[in-house]
Amino acid sequence: MNSLNPEMLVLGGELAATGEPFVSAVRESIERFAQPGIARELRIELGALDGRSELIGAAALALSVAAPGS
């Protein structure tokens, strides 16, 4: 958070399946440990890909290698 200062953080995986309690815990940790002001503008969302994110990412990578510049 301190180095990249992203606009959005997307949470996924098994822990994200717990929903809002996980988002709240992540936000609290960021507010506690990040430099002041970082968490104020940060959007934290739960991923919508469920358990398919690794598969979709691998397919996207394979397509980008197979068809560079597309």
PDB file of N, CA and C in Angstrom:
ATOM      1  N   MET A   1       0.812  -1.182   0.000  1.00  0.00           N
ATOM      2  CA  MET A   1       0.000   0.000   0.000  1.00  0.00           C
ATOM      3  C   MET A   1       0.864   1.257   0.000  1.00  0.00           C
ATOM      4  N   ASN A   2       1.862   1.271   0.843  1.00  0.00           N
ATOM      5  CA  ASN A   2       2.694   2.469   0.955  1.00  0.00           C
ATOM      6  C   ASN A   2       3.466   2.751  -0.329  1.00  0.00           C
ATOM      7  N   SER A   3       3.942   1.720  -0.986  1.00  0.00           N
ATOM      8  CA  SER A   3       4.760   1.918  -2.183  1.00  0.00           C
ATOM      9  C   SER A   3       3.932   2.199  -3.429  1.00  0.00           C
ATOM     10  N   LEU A   4       2.856   1.448  -3.609  1.00  0.00           N
ATOM     11  CA  LEU A   4       2.081   1.541  -4.838  1.00  0.00           C
ATOM     12  C   LEU A   4       0.912   2.523  -4.757  1.00  0.00           C
ATOM     13  N   ASN A   5       0.358   2.709  -3.570  1.00  0.00           N
ATOM     14  CA  ASN A   5      -0.794   3.583  -3.363  1.00  0.00           C
ATOM     15  C   ASN A   5      -1.893   3.318  -4.403  1.00  0.00           C
ATOM     16  N   PRO A   6      -2.417   2.088  -4.446  1.00  0.00           N
ATOM     17  CA  PRO A   6      -3.424   1.758  -5.453  1.00  0.00           C
ATOM     18  C   PRO A   6      -4.762   2.435  -5.165  1.00  0.00           C
ATOM     19  N   GLU A   7      -5.589   2.537  -6.200  1.00  0.00           N
ATOM     20  CA  GLU A   7      -6.935   3.084  -6.032  1.00  0.00           C
ATOM     21  C   GLU A   7      -7.896   2.015  -5.535  1.00  0.00           C
ATOM     22  N   MET A   8      -7.612   0.742  -5.898  1.00  0.00           N
ATOM     23  CA  MET A   8      -8.512  -0.337  -5.529  1.00  0.00           C
ATOM     24  C   MET A   8      -7.716  -1.581  -5.161  1.00  0.00           C
ATOM     25  N   LEU A   9      -8.236  -2.323  -4.202  1.00  0.00           N
ATOM     26  CA  LEU A   9      -7.679  -3.607  -3.803  1.00  0.00           C
ATOM     27  C   LEU A   9      -8.796  -4.632  -3.972  1.00  0.00           C
ATOM     28  N   VAL A  10      -8.555  -5.662  -4.780  1.00  0.00           N
ATOM     29  CA  VAL A  10      -9.547  -6.711  -5.001  1.00  0.00           C
ATOM     30  C   VAL A  10      -9.098  -7.947  -4.240  1.00  0.00           C
ATOM     31  N   LEU A  11      -9.948  -8.427  -3.362  1.00  0.00           N
ATOM     32  CA  LEU A  11      -9.638  -9.587  -2.531  1.00  0.00           C
ATOM     33  C   LEU A  11     -10.300 -10.824  -3.112  1.00  0.00           C
ATOM     34  N   GLY A  12      -9.566 -11.916  -3.132  1.00  0.00           N
ATOM     35  CA  GLY A  12     -10.116 -13.164  -3.641  1.00  0.00           C
ATOM     36  C   GLY A  12      -9.620 -14.332  -2.826  1.00  0.00           C
ATOM     37  N   GLY A  13      -9.956 -15.510  -3.273  1.00  0.00           N
ATOM     38  CA  GLY A  13      -9.514 -16.718  -2.599  1.00  0.00           C
ATOM     39  C   GLY A  13     -10.476 -17.182  -1.524  1.00  0.00           C
ATOM     40  N   GLU A  14     -10.038 -18.173  -0.793  1.00  0.00           N
ATOM     41  CA  GLU A  14     -10.901 -18.790   0.216  1.00  0.00           C
ATOM     42  C   GLU A  14     -11.293 -17.827   1.328  1.00  0.00           C
ATOM     43  N   LEU A  15     -10.366 -16.997   1.774  1.00  0.00           N
ATOM     44  CA  LEU A  15     -10.692 -16.064   2.848  1.00  0.00           C
ATOM     45  C   LEU A  15     -11.715 -15.017   2.408  1.00  0.00           C
ATOM     46  N   ALA A  16     -11.653 -14.625   1.153  1.00  0.00           N
ATOM     47  CA  ALA A  16     -12.596 -13.627   0.652  1.00  0.00           C
ATOM     48  C   ALA A  16     -14.024 -14.164   0.636  1.00  0.00           C
ATOM     49  N   ALA A  17     -14.161 -15.476   0.632  1.00  0.00           N
ATOM     50  CA  ALA A  17     -15.490 -16.076   0.654  1.00  0.00           C
ATOM     51  C   ALA A  17     -16.239 -15.753   1.951  1.00  0.00           C
ATOM     52  N   THR A  18     -15.520 -15.299   2.979  1.00  0.00           N
ATOM     53  CA  THR A  18     -16.184 -14.922   4.229  1.00  0.00           C
ATOM     54  C   THR A  18     -16.916 -13.597   4.103  1.00  0.00           C
ATOM     55  N   GLY A  19     -16.607 -12.833   3.059  1.00  0.00           N
ATOM     56  CA  GLY A  19     -17.361 -11.614   2.776  1.00  0.00           C
ATOM     57  C   GLY A  19     -16.915 -10.394   3.556  1.00  0.00           C
ATOM     58  N   GLU A  20     -17.886  -9.645   4.011  1.00  0.00           N
ATOM     59  CA  GLU A  20     -17.649  -8.340   4.641  1.00  0.00           C
ATOM     60  C   GLU A  20     -16.748  -8.396   5.876  1.00  0.00           C
ATOM     61  N   PRO A  21     -16.822  -9.414   6.721  1.00  0.00           N
ATOM     62  CA  PRO A  21     -15.894  -9.440   7.862  1.00  0.00           C
ATOM     63  C   PRO A  21     -14.426  -9.429   7.430  1.00  0.00           C
ATOM     64  N   PHE A  22     -14.117 -10.112   6.332  1.00  0.00           N
ATOM     65  CA  PHE A  22     -12.745 -10.129   5.821  1.00  0.00           C
ATOM     66  C   PHE A  22     -12.352  -8.764   5.279  1.00  0.00           C
ATOM     67  N   VAL A  23     -13.263  -8.134   4.535  1.00  0.00           N
ATOM     68  CA  VAL A  23     -12.998  -6.797   3.999  1.00  0.00           C
ATOM     69  C   VAL A  23     -12.748  -5.813   5.143  1.00  0.00           C
ATOM     70  N   SER A  24     -13.551  -5.876   6.177  1.00  0.00           N
ATOM     71  CA  SER A  24     -13.382  -4.983   7.330  1.00  0.00           C
ATOM     72  C   SER A  24     -12.044  -5.200   8.015  1.00  0.00           C
ATOM     73  N   ALA A  25     -11.645  -6.467   8.164  1.00  0.00           N
ATOM     74  CA  ALA A  25     -10.371  -6.767   8.814  1.00  0.00           C
ATOM     75  C   ALA A  25      -9.195  -6.258   7.984  1.00  0.00           C
ATOM     76  N   VAL A  26      -9.278  -6.415   6.673  1.00  0.00           N
ATOM     77  CA  VAL A  26      -8.213  -5.920   5.801  1.00  0.00           C
ATOM     78  C   VAL A  26      -8.136  -4.402   5.885  1.00  0.00           C
ATOM     79  N   ARG A  27      -9.295  -3.739   5.822  1.00  0.00           N
ATOM     80  CA  ARG A  27      -9.317  -2.278   5.912  1.00  0.00           C
ATOM     81  C   ARG A  27      -8.713  -1.796   7.244  1.00  0.00           C
ATOM     82  N   GLU A  28      -9.071  -2.433   8.342  1.00  0.00           N
ATOM     83  CA  GLU A  28      -8.525  -2.058   9.648  1.00  0.00           C
ATOM     84  C   GLU A  28      -7.008  -2.218   9.673  1.00  0.00           C
ATOM     85  N   SER A  29      -6.502  -3.307   9.093  1.00  0.00           N
ATOM     86  CA  SER A  29      -5.051  -3.521   9.060  1.00  0.00           C
ATOM     87  C   SER A  29      -4.350  -2.454   8.229  1.00  0.00           C
ATOM     88  N   ILE A  30      -4.943  -2.112   7.105  1.00  0.00           N
ATOM     89  CA  ILE A  30      -4.347  -1.081   6.255  1.00  0.00           C
ATOM     90  C   ILE A  30      -4.353   0.262   6.980  1.00  0.00           C
ATOM     91  N   GLU A  31      -5.466   0.595   7.610  1.00  0.00           N
ATOM     92  CA  GLU A  31      -5.545   1.857   8.351  1.00  0.00           C
ATOM     93  C   GLU A  31      -4.522   1.904   9.480  1.00  0.00           C
ATOM     94  N   ARG A  32      -4.268   0.757  10.072  1.00  0.00           N
ATOM     95  CA  ARG A  32      -3.339   0.704  11.204  1.00  0.00           C
ATOM     96  C   ARG A  32      -1.877   0.781  10.762  1.00  0.00           C
ATOM     97  N   PHE A  33      -1.530   0.086   9.666  1.00  0.00           N
ATOM     98  CA  PHE A  33      -0.125  -0.061   9.314  1.00  0.00           C
ATOM     99  C   PHE A  33       0.343   0.776   8.125  1.00  0.00           C
ATOM    100  N   ALA A  34      -0.561   1.253   7.301  1.00  0.00           N
ATOM    101  CA  ALA A  34      -0.155   2.052   6.134  1.00  0.00           C
ATOM    102  C   ALA A  34       0.105   3.494   6.570  1.00  0.00           C
ATOM    103  N   GLN A  35       0.803   4.208   5.720  1.00  0.00           N
ATOM    104  CA  GLN A  35       1.059   5.618   6.003  1.00  0.00           C
ATOM    105  C   GLN A  35      -0.277   6.366   6.057  1.00  0.00           C
ATOM    106  N   PRO A  36      -0.350   7.414   6.844  1.00  0.00           N
ATOM    107  CA  PRO A  36      -1.615   8.162   6.978  1.00  0.00           C
ATOM    108  C   PRO A  36      -2.134   8.643   5.622  1.00  0.00           C
ATOM    109  N   GLY A  37      -3.435   8.535   5.439  1.00  0.00           N
ATOM    110  CA  GLY A  37      -4.083   9.011   4.229  1.00  0.00           C
ATOM    111  C   GLY A  37      -4.215   7.982   3.132  1.00  0.00           C
ATOM    112  N   ILE A  38      -3.453   6.895   3.195  1.00  0.00           N
ATOM    113  CA  ILE A  38      -3.491   5.876   2.140  1.00  0.00           C
ATOM    114  C   ILE A  38      -4.864   5.198   2.100  1.00  0.00           C
ATOM    115  N   ALA A  39      -5.363   4.779   3.230  1.00  0.00           N
ATOM    116  CA  ALA A  39      -6.598   3.990   3.276  1.00  0.00           C
ATOM    117  C   ALA A  39      -7.838   4.835   3.005  1.00  0.00           C
ATOM    118  N   ARG A  40      -7.741   6.123   3.155  1.00  0.00           N
ATOM    119  CA  ARG A  40      -8.916   6.980   2.992  1.00  0.00           C
ATOM    120  C   ARG A  40      -9.511   6.868   1.589  1.00  0.00           C
ATOM    121  N   GLU A  41      -8.669   6.833   0.576  1.00  0.00           N
ATOM    122  CA  GLU A  41      -9.121   6.816  -0.811  1.00  0.00           C
ATOM    123  C   GLU A  41      -9.209   5.409  -1.399  1.00  0.00           C
ATOM    124  N   LEU A  42      -8.777   4.405  -0.669  1.00  0.00           N
ATOM    125  CA  LEU A  42      -8.686   3.045  -1.187  1.00  0.00           C
ATOM    126  C   LEU A  42     -10.051   2.354  -1.214  1.00  0.00           C
ATOM    127  N   ARG A  43     -10.409   1.824  -2.385  1.00  0.00           N
ATOM    128  CA  ARG A  43     -11.613   0.988  -2.497  1.00  0.00           C
ATOM    129  C   ARG A  43     -11.191  -0.457  -2.299  1.00  0.00           C
ATOM    130  N   ILE A  44     -11.902  -1.168  -1.453  1.00  0.00           N
ATOM    131  CA  ILE A  44     -11.636  -2.589  -1.241  1.00  0.00           C
ATOM    132  C   ILE A  44     -12.879  -3.353  -1.674  1.00  0.00           C
ATOM    133  N   GLU A  45     -12.698  -4.250  -2.638  1.00  0.00           N
ATOM    134  CA  GLU A  45     -13.807  -5.013  -3.210  1.00  0.00           C
ATOM    135  C   GLU A  45     -13.505  -6.503  -3.129  1.00  0.00           C
ATOM    136  N   LEU A  46     -14.551  -7.298  -3.139  1.00  0.00           N
ATOM    137  CA  LEU A  46     -14.400  -8.742  -3.230  1.00  0.00           C
ATOM    138  C   LEU A  46     -14.412  -9.132  -4.701  1.00  0.00           C
ATOM    139  N   GLY A  47     -13.514 -10.030  -5.088  1.00  0.00           N
ATOM    140  CA  GLY A  47     -13.442 -10.492  -6.467  1.00  0.00           C
ATOM    141  C   GLY A  47     -14.702 -11.242  -6.862  1.00  0.00           C
ATOM    142  N   ALA A  48     -15.044 -11.168  -8.132  1.00  0.00           N
ATOM    143  CA  ALA A  48     -16.256 -11.816  -8.628  1.00  0.00           C
ATOM    144  C   ALA A  48     -15.963 -13.113  -9.374  1.00  0.00           C
ATOM    145  N   LEU A  49     -14.709 -13.538  -9.406  1.00  0.00           N
ATOM    146  CA  LEU A  49     -14.351 -14.720 -10.183  1.00  0.00           C
ATOM    147  C   LEU A  49     -14.405 -16.009  -9.383  1.00  0.00           C
ATOM    148  N   ASP A  50     -14.700 -15.926  -8.124  1.00  0.00           N
ATOM    149  CA  ASP A  50     -14.745 -17.096  -7.242  1.00  0.00           C
ATOM    150  C   ASP A  50     -13.446 -17.882  -7.349  1.00  0.00           C
ATOM    151  N   GLY A  51     -13.514 -19.173  -7.551  1.00  0.00           N
ATOM    152  CA  GLY A  51     -12.325 -20.006  -7.625  1.00  0.00           C
ATOM    153  C   GLY A  51     -11.724 -20.093  -9.010  1.00  0.00           C
ATOM    154  N   ARG A  52     -12.204 -19.279  -9.942  1.00  0.00           N
ATOM    155  CA  ARG A  52     -11.735 -19.353 -11.319  1.00  0.00           C
ATOM    156  C   ARG A  52     -10.652 -18.344 -11.647  1.00  0.00           C
ATOM    157  N   SER A  53     -10.239 -17.518 -10.720  1.00  0.00           N
ATOM    158  CA  SER A  53      -9.308 -16.435 -11.037  1.00  0.00           C
ATOM    159  C   SER A  53      -7.970 -16.954 -11.567  1.00  0.00           C
ATOM    160  N   GLU A  54      -7.456 -18.030 -10.992  1.00  0.00           N
ATOM    161  CA  GLU A  54      -6.185 -18.584 -11.463  1.00  0.00           C
ATOM    162  C   GLU A  54      -6.316 -19.098 -12.888  1.00  0.00           C
ATOM    163  N   LEU A  55      -7.425 -19.777 -13.178  1.00  0.00           N
ATOM    164  CA  LEU A  55      -7.659 -20.323 -14.509  1.00  0.00           C
ATOM    165  C   LEU A  55      -7.798 -19.203 -15.538  1.00  0.00           C
ATOM    166  N   ILE A  56      -8.549 -18.181 -15.215  1.00  0.00           N
ATOM    167  CA  ILE A  56      -8.742 -17.064 -16.144  1.00  0.00           C
ATOM    168  C   ILE A  56      -7.430 -16.321 -16.358  1.00  0.00           C
ATOM    169  N   GLY A  57      -6.658 -16.121 -15.294  1.00  0.00           N
ATOM    170  CA  GLY A  57      -5.358 -15.460 -15.426  1.00  0.00           C
ATOM    171  C   GLY A  57      -4.394 -16.266 -16.281  1.00  0.00           C
ATOM    172  N   ALA A  58      -4.369 -17.581 -16.093  1.00  0.00           N
ATOM    173  CA  ALA A  58      -3.488 -18.440 -16.892  1.00  0.00           C
ATOM    174  C   ALA A  58      -3.897 -18.417 -18.360  1.00  0.00           C
ATOM    175  N   ALA A  59      -5.197 -18.435 -18.615  1.00  0.00           N
ATOM    176  CA  ALA A  59      -5.675 -18.379 -20.002  1.00  0.00           C
ATOM    177  C   ALA A  59      -5.322 -17.040 -20.636  1.00  0.00           C
ATOM    178  N   ALA A  60      -5.475 -15.959 -19.902  1.00  0.00           N
ATOM    179  CA  ALA A  60      -5.135 -14.632 -20.430  1.00  0.00           C
ATOM    180  C   ALA A  60      -3.644 -14.543 -20.742  1.00  0.00           C
ATOM    181  N   LEU A  61      -2.818 -15.092 -19.871  1.00  0.00           N
ATOM    182  CA  LEU A  61      -1.373 -15.092 -20.117  1.00  0.00           C
ATOM    183  C   LEU A  61      -1.033 -15.919 -21.360  1.00  0.00           C
ATOM    184  N   ALA A  62      -1.626 -17.089 -21.484  1.00  0.00           N
ATOM    185  CA  ALA A  62      -1.369 -17.942 -22.641  1.00  0.00           C
ATOM    186  C   ALA A  62      -1.783 -17.244 -23.929  1.00  0.00           C
ATOM    187  N   LEU A  63      -2.932 -16.575 -23.918  1.00  0.00           N
ATOM    188  CA  LEU A  63      -3.389 -15.853 -25.105  1.00  0.00           C
ATOM    189  C   LEU A  63      -2.452 -14.696 -25.452  1.00  0.00           C
ATOM    190  N   SER A  64      -1.957 -14.004 -24.421  1.00  0.00           N
ATOM    191  CA  SER A  64      -1.069 -12.866 -24.700  1.00  0.00           C
ATOM    192  C   SER A  64       0.265 -13.333 -25.278  1.00  0.00           C
ATOM    193  N   VAL A  65       0.716 -14.505 -24.892  1.00  0.00           N
ATOM    194  CA  VAL A  65       1.969 -15.058 -25.432  1.00  0.00           C
ATOM    195  C   VAL A  65       1.737 -15.610 -26.838  1.00  0.00           C
ATOM    196  N   ALA A  66       0.597 -16.245 -27.051  1.00  0.00           N
ATOM    197  CA  ALA A  66       0.288 -16.860 -28.346  1.00  0.00           C
ATOM    198  C   ALA A  66      -0.003 -15.812 -29.416  1.00  0.00           C
ATOM    199  N   ALA A  67      -0.578 -14.684 -29.005  1.00  0.00           N
ATOM    200  CA  ALA A  67      -0.942 -13.639 -29.959  1.00  0.00           C
ATOM    201  C   ALA A  67      -0.434 -12.291 -29.464  1.00  0.00           C
ATOM    202  N   PRO A  68       0.896 -12.077 -29.476  1.00  0.00           N
ATOM    203  CA  PRO A  68       1.436 -10.817 -28.979  1.00  0.00           C
ATOM    204  C   PRO A  68       0.910  -9.620 -29.769  1.00  0.00           C
ATOM    205  N   GLY A  69       0.665  -8.544 -29.047  1.00  0.00           N
ATOM    206  CA  GLY A  69       0.195  -7.315 -29.672  1.00  0.00           C
ATOM    207  C   GLY A  69      -1.304  -7.280 -29.896  1.00  0.00           C
ATOM    208  N   SER A  70      -2.019  -8.327 -29.510  1.00  0.00           N
ATOM    209  CA  SER A  70      -3.471  -8.343 -29.729  1.00  0.00           C
ATOM    210  C   SER A  70      -4.198  -7.754 -28.560  1.00  0.00           C
TER     211      SER A  70
END
